[in-house]
Amino acid sequence: MRARLTPPATVPRIARVEILWSENSTVPKRTFRSLAEADAALARAFAEDPPPAGGAYDKTAFLIVWSDGKRHEGRADVREVDVETAGASGGILRQHLGHVSRWLRDKSAAATWWTPDERTEHAAWGEDLQRRLDAEPPVGAPRNLTSVPDDTLVPIGQGASLAEVTLLPDPFSAVTALESRFAARRPSVAVWMGHGRTVPRTTNRDLRFATNWITMALAGDMSRLRATTGRPHGAIWDRWARTVESIKRRLGADPGATYPDNQVFWSDQAPHIAHKVSVALHGHAPRNVTASTTADERAQFRITYRGPRGGEYVTHHLAPDYLTALQTAAFSLGFWPEVQSVARLDDGHWKSV
């Protein structure tokens, strides 16, 4: 009898990187879908506004969440020398995390302020963190999206051959990831009346790619939506077709020139189609929800945030996870809120996330 081979364990991949705050005002405080995209944005920010001279640093806080739910929150103290050496290490955050993983692996045993169990746990996390970092592509690694054209707009209904070109199962996260692709390498532009919200200053070529990505994603998603809900969703196609016609009128002939309506596309048109698909998939969230979780495993989240004038506000959102709740809040508010706390309703009690 032939022995069965055990396949190697898959290393969890990064689900998102959040830049929480930074002493460098040029650093974008936003969510990225990969370490490489976050590092590319940090590289551009610190090139534009370098750290203080003479060994001082800009404190930059971040949170990384992996696909298996593992979280690592930390702070990179970015100095001039860190910016200079980051390129060879794959990026500012990657370099910082590499230092952290090696220190935990090699120095935890001598950390007398931890208990023996804590020293063992931290040393193991150092090893695990390095494995996770090795699985992440560095800055500049190509993304396998070459089948999405950027030279002309594809016809409505043309589908994608890549499984990753989809708005499902989380349309807001998909649109955020699409925006992050360009935010990592384009300057930002403020959204008028956006209360601090910025979007990437994408080019005509970028907008053709982004528009085509959504068109091709919808072509595949519509049949899956109908199979899931049992209903046709022609209204989504009608809405997106009108959006594409509007984009077509605004696109310029020079592919490298800045698209004139970046604020509208990234803060309105793209999130709106994500909202339409989300409503088709889940329905409208009820105004008052008493159960902690609905039949499709969404939960009630309470987001406390600080408004543009300093006041504190609270909103409630039904979502499958807290990031989607934040994205829903941002969409409904029209800007990315300065979040103070997030809580999840669990068995009738609010628990911090």
Protein backbone atom coordinates (compact mmCIF):
# COMPACT_ATOMS: atom_id res chain seq x y z
CA MET A 1 0.00 0.00 0.00
CA ARG A 2 1.48 3.32 -1.04
CA ALA A 3 1.88 5.89 1.72
CA ARG A 4 0.00 9.14 1.24
CA LEU A 5 2.18 12.21 1.05
CA THR A 6 1.20 15.11 3.26
CA PRO A 7 1.18 18.30 1.19
CA PRO A 8 3.24 21.17 2.56
CA ALA A 9 1.34 23.67 4.66
CA THR A 10 0.36 26.80 2.79
CA VAL A 11 1.85 29.95 4.24
CA PRO A 12 -0.94 32.48 4.99
CA ARG A 13 -0.86 35.58 2.80
CA ILE A 14 -1.41 39.16 3.85
CA ALA A 15 -5.06 40.19 3.61
CA ARG A 16 -4.47 43.87 4.25
CA VAL A 17 -1.97 46.43 5.55
CA GLU A 18 -3.32 49.49 7.35
CA ILE A 19 -1.20 52.60 7.87
CA LEU A 20 -2.74 53.87 11.10
CA TRP A 21 -0.84 57.16 11.54
CA SER A 22 2.51 58.74 10.89
CA GLU A 23 4.47 61.80 11.99
CA ASN A 24 5.18 62.30 8.29
CA SER A 25 2.11 64.09 6.93
CA THR A 26 2.86 62.83 3.40
CA VAL A 27 2.33 59.20 4.40
CA PRO A 28 -1.15 58.07 3.29
CA LYS A 29 -3.27 56.78 6.19
CA ARG A 30 -5.17 54.12 4.33
CA THR A 31 -5.59 50.38 3.74
CA PHE A 32 -3.48 48.47 1.21
CA ARG A 33 -4.10 44.96 -0.07
CA SER A 34 -0.45 43.88 -0.06
CA LEU A 35 2.83 44.64 1.67
CA ALA A 36 4.37 45.66 -1.65
CA GLU A 37 1.67 48.28 -2.29
CA ALA A 38 2.06 49.73 1.22
CA ASP A 39 5.84 49.85 0.86
CA ALA A 40 5.60 51.52 -2.54
CA ALA A 41 3.38 54.23 -1.05
CA LEU A 42 5.75 54.72 1.89
CA ALA A 43 8.75 54.95 -0.44
CA ARG A 44 7.07 57.68 -2.44
CA ALA A 45 6.01 59.57 0.70
CA PHE A 46 9.46 59.52 2.31
CA ALA A 47 11.10 60.49 -0.98
CA GLU A 48 8.83 63.53 -1.10
CA ASP A 49 9.25 64.39 2.58
CA PRO A 50 12.37 62.68 4.04
CA PRO A 51 12.77 61.89 7.76
CA PRO A 52 14.48 64.49 9.99
CA ALA A 53 18.25 64.70 9.65
CA GLY A 54 20.74 63.73 12.32
CA GLY A 55 19.30 60.38 13.37
CA ALA A 56 15.79 61.55 14.27
CA TYR A 57 12.84 59.59 12.89
CA ASP A 58 9.20 59.71 11.84
CA LYS A 59 7.10 57.28 13.86
CA THR A 60 4.73 55.37 11.56
CA ALA A 61 2.15 52.95 13.02
CA PHE A 62 0.69 50.07 11.06
CA LEU A 63 -1.47 46.96 11.34
CA ILE A 64 -1.06 43.81 9.23
CA VAL A 65 -3.78 41.16 9.03
CA TRP A 66 -3.15 37.78 7.39
CA SER A 67 -5.62 35.49 5.67
CA ASP A 68 -5.69 33.18 8.71
CA GLY A 69 -6.69 36.05 11.01
CA LYS A 70 -3.23 36.58 12.54
CA ARG A 71 -2.62 40.26 13.35
CA HIS A 72 0.59 42.22 13.92
CA GLU A 73 0.40 45.84 15.03
CA GLY A 74 3.62 47.77 15.24
CA ARG A 75 5.46 51.03 14.73
CA ALA A 76 8.33 51.69 12.35
CA ASP A 77 10.62 54.55 13.43
CA VAL A 78 11.76 55.62 9.98
CA ARG A 79 15.17 57.34 9.82
CA GLU A 80 17.17 58.64 6.87
CA VAL A 81 19.32 55.50 6.89
CA ASP A 82 16.19 53.31 6.84
CA VAL A 83 14.96 55.03 3.69
CA GLU A 84 18.39 54.62 2.09
CA THR A 85 18.65 50.89 2.85
CA ALA A 86 14.97 49.96 2.36
CA GLY A 87 15.28 49.46 -1.40
CA ALA A 88 17.74 46.59 -1.01
CA SER A 89 15.51 45.00 1.66
CA GLY A 90 12.30 45.21 -0.37
CA GLY A 91 10.68 48.23 1.28
CA ILE A 92 10.45 50.21 4.52
CA LEU A 93 7.85 48.00 6.22
CA ARG A 94 9.41 44.77 4.97
CA GLN A 95 12.80 45.89 6.28
CA HIS A 96 11.31 46.81 9.66
CA LEU A 97 9.42 43.50 9.91
CA GLY A 98 12.59 41.63 9.00
CA HIS A 99 14.41 43.29 11.91
CA VAL A 100 11.50 42.40 14.21
CA SER A 101 11.37 38.77 13.11
CA ARG A 102 15.12 38.26 13.53
CA TRP A 103 15.18 39.96 16.94
CA LEU A 104 12.30 37.85 18.20
CA ARG A 105 13.86 34.68 16.84
CA ASP A 106 17.38 35.30 18.19
CA LYS A 107 16.90 37.51 21.26
CA SER A 108 13.66 36.38 22.90
CA ALA A 109 15.46 33.79 25.04
CA ALA A 110 17.41 36.59 26.75
CA ALA A 111 14.36 38.86 27.34
CA THR A 112 14.12 38.58 31.15
CA TRP A 113 11.01 40.79 31.28
CA TRP A 114 8.99 37.98 29.67
CA THR A 115 7.96 34.73 31.30
CA PRO A 116 9.48 31.49 29.92
CA ASP A 117 6.24 30.78 28.05
CA GLU A 118 6.20 34.29 26.59
CA ARG A 119 9.83 33.95 25.46
CA THR A 120 8.99 30.70 23.68
CA GLU A 121 5.88 32.22 22.10
CA HIS A 122 7.73 35.33 20.83
CA ALA A 123 10.60 33.27 19.43
CA ALA A 124 8.12 31.09 17.55
CA TRP A 125 6.37 34.16 16.16
CA GLY A 126 9.73 35.48 14.93
CA GLU A 127 10.21 32.29 12.89
CA ASP A 128 6.64 32.35 11.63
CA LEU A 129 6.77 36.05 10.73
CA GLN A 130 9.84 35.48 8.56
CA ARG A 131 8.11 32.63 6.70
CA ARG A 132 5.13 34.88 6.07
CA LEU A 133 7.36 37.69 4.81
CA ASP A 134 9.16 35.32 2.44
CA ALA A 135 5.80 34.44 0.87
CA GLU A 136 5.02 38.08 -0.02
CA PRO A 137 6.16 39.51 -3.38
CA PRO A 138 8.46 42.54 -3.06
CA VAL A 139 7.85 46.05 -4.37
CA GLY A 140 7.67 46.07 -8.14
CA ALA A 141 6.67 42.42 -8.56
CA PRO A 142 4.23 42.19 -11.48
CA ARG A 143 0.61 41.38 -10.76
CA ASN A 144 -0.97 38.71 -12.92
CA LEU A 145 -3.48 41.03 -14.52
CA THR A 146 -1.98 41.33 -17.99
CA SER A 147 -5.22 40.19 -19.62
CA VAL A 148 -6.88 43.49 -18.60
CA PRO A 149 -6.15 46.00 -21.39
CA ASP A 150 -5.31 49.64 -20.71
CA ASP A 151 -5.19 51.00 -24.27
CA THR A 152 -8.90 50.92 -25.10
CA LEU A 153 -12.20 50.40 -23.29
CA VAL A 154 -13.56 46.87 -23.68
CA PRO A 155 -17.23 46.36 -24.64
CA ILE A 156 -19.77 45.92 -21.87
CA GLY A 157 -20.17 42.20 -21.23
CA GLN A 158 -16.61 41.14 -22.13
CA GLY A 159 -15.43 38.79 -19.40
CA ALA A 160 -12.10 38.10 -17.72
CA SER A 161 -10.07 34.91 -17.98
CA LEU A 162 -8.58 35.41 -14.50
CA ALA A 163 -10.42 34.26 -11.39
CA GLU A 164 -9.00 37.18 -9.40
CA VAL A 165 -10.82 39.72 -11.60
CA THR A 166 -14.04 39.72 -9.60
CA LEU A 167 -15.98 41.96 -7.24
CA LEU A 168 -17.20 38.95 -5.25
CA PRO A 169 -17.58 38.06 -2.47
CA ASP A 170 -16.76 41.51 -1.07
CA PRO A 171 -17.31 44.31 -3.63
CA PHE A 172 -16.05 47.10 -1.37
CA SER A 173 -12.78 45.29 -0.63
CA ALA A 174 -12.32 44.57 -4.34
CA VAL A 175 -12.74 48.23 -5.28
CA THR A 176 -10.43 49.27 -2.42
CA ALA A 177 -7.79 46.84 -3.70
CA LEU A 178 -8.16 48.25 -7.22
CA GLU A 179 -7.68 51.80 -5.92
CA SER A 180 -4.72 50.70 -3.78
CA ARG A 181 -3.00 49.36 -6.90
CA PHE A 182 -2.68 52.94 -8.14
CA ALA A 183 -2.40 54.70 -4.76
CA ALA A 184 0.88 52.84 -4.27
CA ARG A 185 2.51 54.57 -7.26
CA ARG A 186 0.56 57.72 -8.06
CA PRO A 187 0.41 61.06 -6.19
CA SER A 188 -2.76 61.72 -4.25
CA VAL A 189 -5.39 64.34 -4.94
CA ALA A 190 -7.91 65.65 -2.42
CA VAL A 191 -11.61 65.01 -2.95
CA TRP A 192 -13.62 68.21 -2.92
CA MET A 193 -15.84 68.28 0.18
CA GLY A 194 -14.31 64.91 1.07
CA HIS A 195 -13.23 65.95 4.59
CA GLY A 196 -9.64 64.79 4.06
CA ARG A 197 -10.37 61.92 1.66
CA THR A 198 -7.71 61.56 -1.05
CA VAL A 199 -7.61 59.41 -4.18
CA PRO A 200 -4.78 58.50 -6.56
CA ARG A 201 -4.09 60.94 -9.39
CA THR A 202 -4.46 58.28 -12.06
CA THR A 203 -3.73 58.71 -15.74
CA ASN A 204 -5.95 58.07 -18.76
CA ARG A 205 -4.23 54.68 -19.17
CA ASP A 206 -4.83 53.89 -15.49
CA LEU A 207 -8.52 54.74 -15.83
CA ARG A 208 -8.91 52.54 -18.88
CA PHE A 209 -7.41 49.66 -16.91
CA ALA A 210 -9.59 50.31 -13.83
CA THR A 211 -12.77 50.70 -15.92
CA ASN A 212 -11.98 47.54 -17.89
CA TRP A 213 -11.24 45.65 -14.68
CA ILE A 214 -14.70 46.42 -13.33
CA THR A 215 -16.37 45.72 -16.69
CA MET A 216 -14.65 42.34 -16.97
CA ALA A 217 -15.34 41.51 -13.32
CA LEU A 218 -19.03 42.27 -13.76
CA ALA A 219 -19.20 40.04 -16.85
CA GLY A 220 -18.22 37.07 -14.72
CA ASP A 221 -20.02 38.17 -11.57
CA MET A 222 -23.47 38.64 -13.09
CA SER A 223 -23.98 34.93 -13.73
CA ARG A 224 -22.72 34.09 -10.24
CA LEU A 225 -25.03 36.71 -8.75
CA ARG A 226 -28.01 35.27 -10.61
CA ALA A 227 -27.11 31.74 -9.52
CA THR A 228 -26.81 32.92 -5.92
CA THR A 229 -29.89 35.14 -5.70
CA GLY A 230 -32.12 33.60 -8.36
CA ARG A 231 -32.74 37.05 -9.89
CA PRO A 232 -31.40 38.90 -12.93
CA HIS A 233 -29.53 42.10 -12.21
CA GLY A 234 -29.81 44.09 -15.40
CA ALA A 235 -30.01 47.37 -13.46
CA ILE A 236 -26.37 46.95 -12.45
CA TRP A 237 -25.32 46.60 -16.09
CA ASP A 238 -27.44 49.63 -17.07
CA ARG A 239 -25.85 51.74 -14.34
CA TRP A 240 -22.31 50.69 -15.24
CA ALA A 241 -22.92 51.19 -18.97
CA ARG A 242 -23.94 54.80 -18.28
CA THR A 243 -20.84 55.24 -16.13
CA VAL A 244 -18.58 53.90 -18.87
CA GLU A 245 -20.14 56.30 -21.39
CA SER A 246 -19.41 59.18 -19.01
CA ILE A 247 -15.81 58.00 -18.58
CA LYS A 248 -15.38 57.64 -22.33
CA ARG A 249 -16.33 61.30 -22.82
CA ARG A 250 -13.75 62.43 -20.25
CA LEU A 251 -10.80 60.26 -21.31
CA GLY A 252 -8.02 62.12 -23.07
CA ALA A 253 -5.92 61.01 -26.04
CA ASP A 254 -2.61 61.17 -24.12
CA PRO A 255 -2.37 57.91 -22.12
CA GLY A 256 0.10 59.42 -19.64
CA ALA A 257 -1.91 62.58 -18.92
CA THR A 258 -3.91 62.87 -15.71
CA TYR A 259 -7.53 61.77 -16.05
CA PRO A 260 -9.64 64.88 -15.31
CA ASP A 261 -12.27 63.22 -13.07
CA ASN A 262 -10.22 61.10 -10.68
CA GLN A 263 -12.15 62.34 -7.65
CA VAL A 264 -15.48 61.35 -9.20
CA PHE A 265 -14.32 57.92 -10.34
CA TRP A 266 -12.63 56.78 -7.11
CA SER A 267 -14.92 58.44 -4.57
CA ASP A 268 -18.26 57.99 -6.38
CA GLN A 269 -18.45 55.83 -9.52
CA ALA A 270 -16.35 52.84 -8.42
CA PRO A 271 -17.73 52.68 -4.84
CA HIS A 272 -21.27 53.09 -6.19
CA ILE A 273 -21.05 50.02 -8.42
CA ALA A 274 -19.59 48.12 -5.45
CA HIS A 275 -22.58 49.24 -3.42
CA LYS A 276 -25.00 48.07 -6.14
CA VAL A 277 -23.39 44.63 -6.29
CA SER A 278 -23.31 44.39 -2.49
CA VAL A 279 -27.03 45.23 -2.25
CA ALA A 280 -27.80 42.64 -4.94
CA LEU A 281 -25.81 40.06 -3.02
CA HIS A 282 -26.90 40.83 0.53
CA GLY A 283 -29.87 43.21 0.33
CA HIS A 284 -30.14 46.49 2.19
CA ALA A 285 -29.06 46.39 5.82
CA PRO A 286 -32.03 46.98 8.13
CA ARG A 287 -32.10 50.17 10.18
CA ASN A 288 -32.42 48.32 13.48
CA VAL A 289 -30.79 44.96 14.00
CA THR A 290 -31.23 43.05 17.25
CA ALA A 291 -29.64 39.74 16.33
CA SER A 292 -25.87 39.55 16.57
CA THR A 293 -25.49 37.69 13.28
CA THR A 294 -27.82 37.22 10.32
CA ALA A 295 -28.40 34.07 8.31
CA ASP A 296 -25.63 34.96 5.86
CA GLU A 297 -23.17 35.42 8.77
CA ARG A 298 -23.04 39.19 8.73
CA ALA A 299 -22.71 40.93 12.06
CA GLN A 300 -23.70 44.30 13.48
CA PHE A 301 -20.74 46.66 13.94
CA ARG A 302 -20.68 49.94 15.86
CA ILE A 303 -18.12 52.46 14.62
CA THR A 304 -17.19 55.45 16.75
CA TYR A 305 -15.33 58.10 14.81
CA ARG A 306 -14.24 61.72 15.02
CA GLY A 307 -15.85 64.07 12.53
CA PRO A 308 -14.10 66.77 10.47
CA ARG A 309 -14.82 69.39 13.17
CA GLY A 310 -13.70 67.25 16.08
CA GLY A 311 -17.07 65.94 17.26
CA GLU A 312 -17.55 62.26 18.09
CA TYR A 313 -20.17 60.28 16.17
CA VAL A 314 -21.45 56.69 16.11
CA THR A 315 -22.76 54.69 13.15
CA HIS A 316 -24.00 51.09 12.89
CA HIS A 317 -23.40 48.78 9.93
CA LEU A 318 -24.28 45.20 9.02
CA ALA A 319 -21.22 43.54 7.45
CA PRO A 320 -19.36 40.20 7.27
CA ASP A 321 -16.23 41.70 8.89
CA TYR A 322 -15.07 44.90 10.46
CA LEU A 323 -13.07 46.12 7.41
CA THR A 324 -16.20 45.89 5.27
CA ALA A 325 -18.06 47.80 7.99
CA LEU A 326 -15.43 50.56 7.81
CA GLN A 327 -15.68 50.67 4.03
CA THR A 328 -19.47 50.87 4.24
CA ALA A 329 -19.13 53.71 6.73
CA ALA A 330 -16.72 55.56 4.45
CA PHE A 331 -19.07 55.12 1.49
CA SER A 332 -22.10 56.38 3.40
CA LEU A 333 -20.21 59.30 4.97
CA GLY A 334 -18.40 60.32 1.79
CA PHE A 335 -14.99 60.30 3.51
CA TRP A 336 -12.73 57.90 5.41
CA PRO A 337 -13.54 58.50 9.09
CA GLU A 338 -10.97 58.99 11.84
CA VAL A 339 -11.97 55.85 13.71
CA GLN A 340 -11.85 55.90 17.50
CA SER A 341 -13.18 52.40 18.14
CA VAL A 342 -14.99 49.49 16.47
CA ALA A 343 -17.25 47.07 18.35
CA ARG A 344 -19.13 43.95 17.26
CA LEU A 345 -22.49 42.85 18.65
CA ASP A 346 -22.02 39.37 20.10
CA ASP A 347 -24.79 37.64 22.07
CA GLY A 348 -26.40 40.97 22.84
CA HIS A 349 -23.17 42.62 24.06
CA TRP A 350 -20.81 44.99 22.27
CA LYS A 351 -17.24 43.66 22.15
CA SER A 352 -14.26 45.66 20.89
CA VAL A 353 -12.70 44.48 17.64
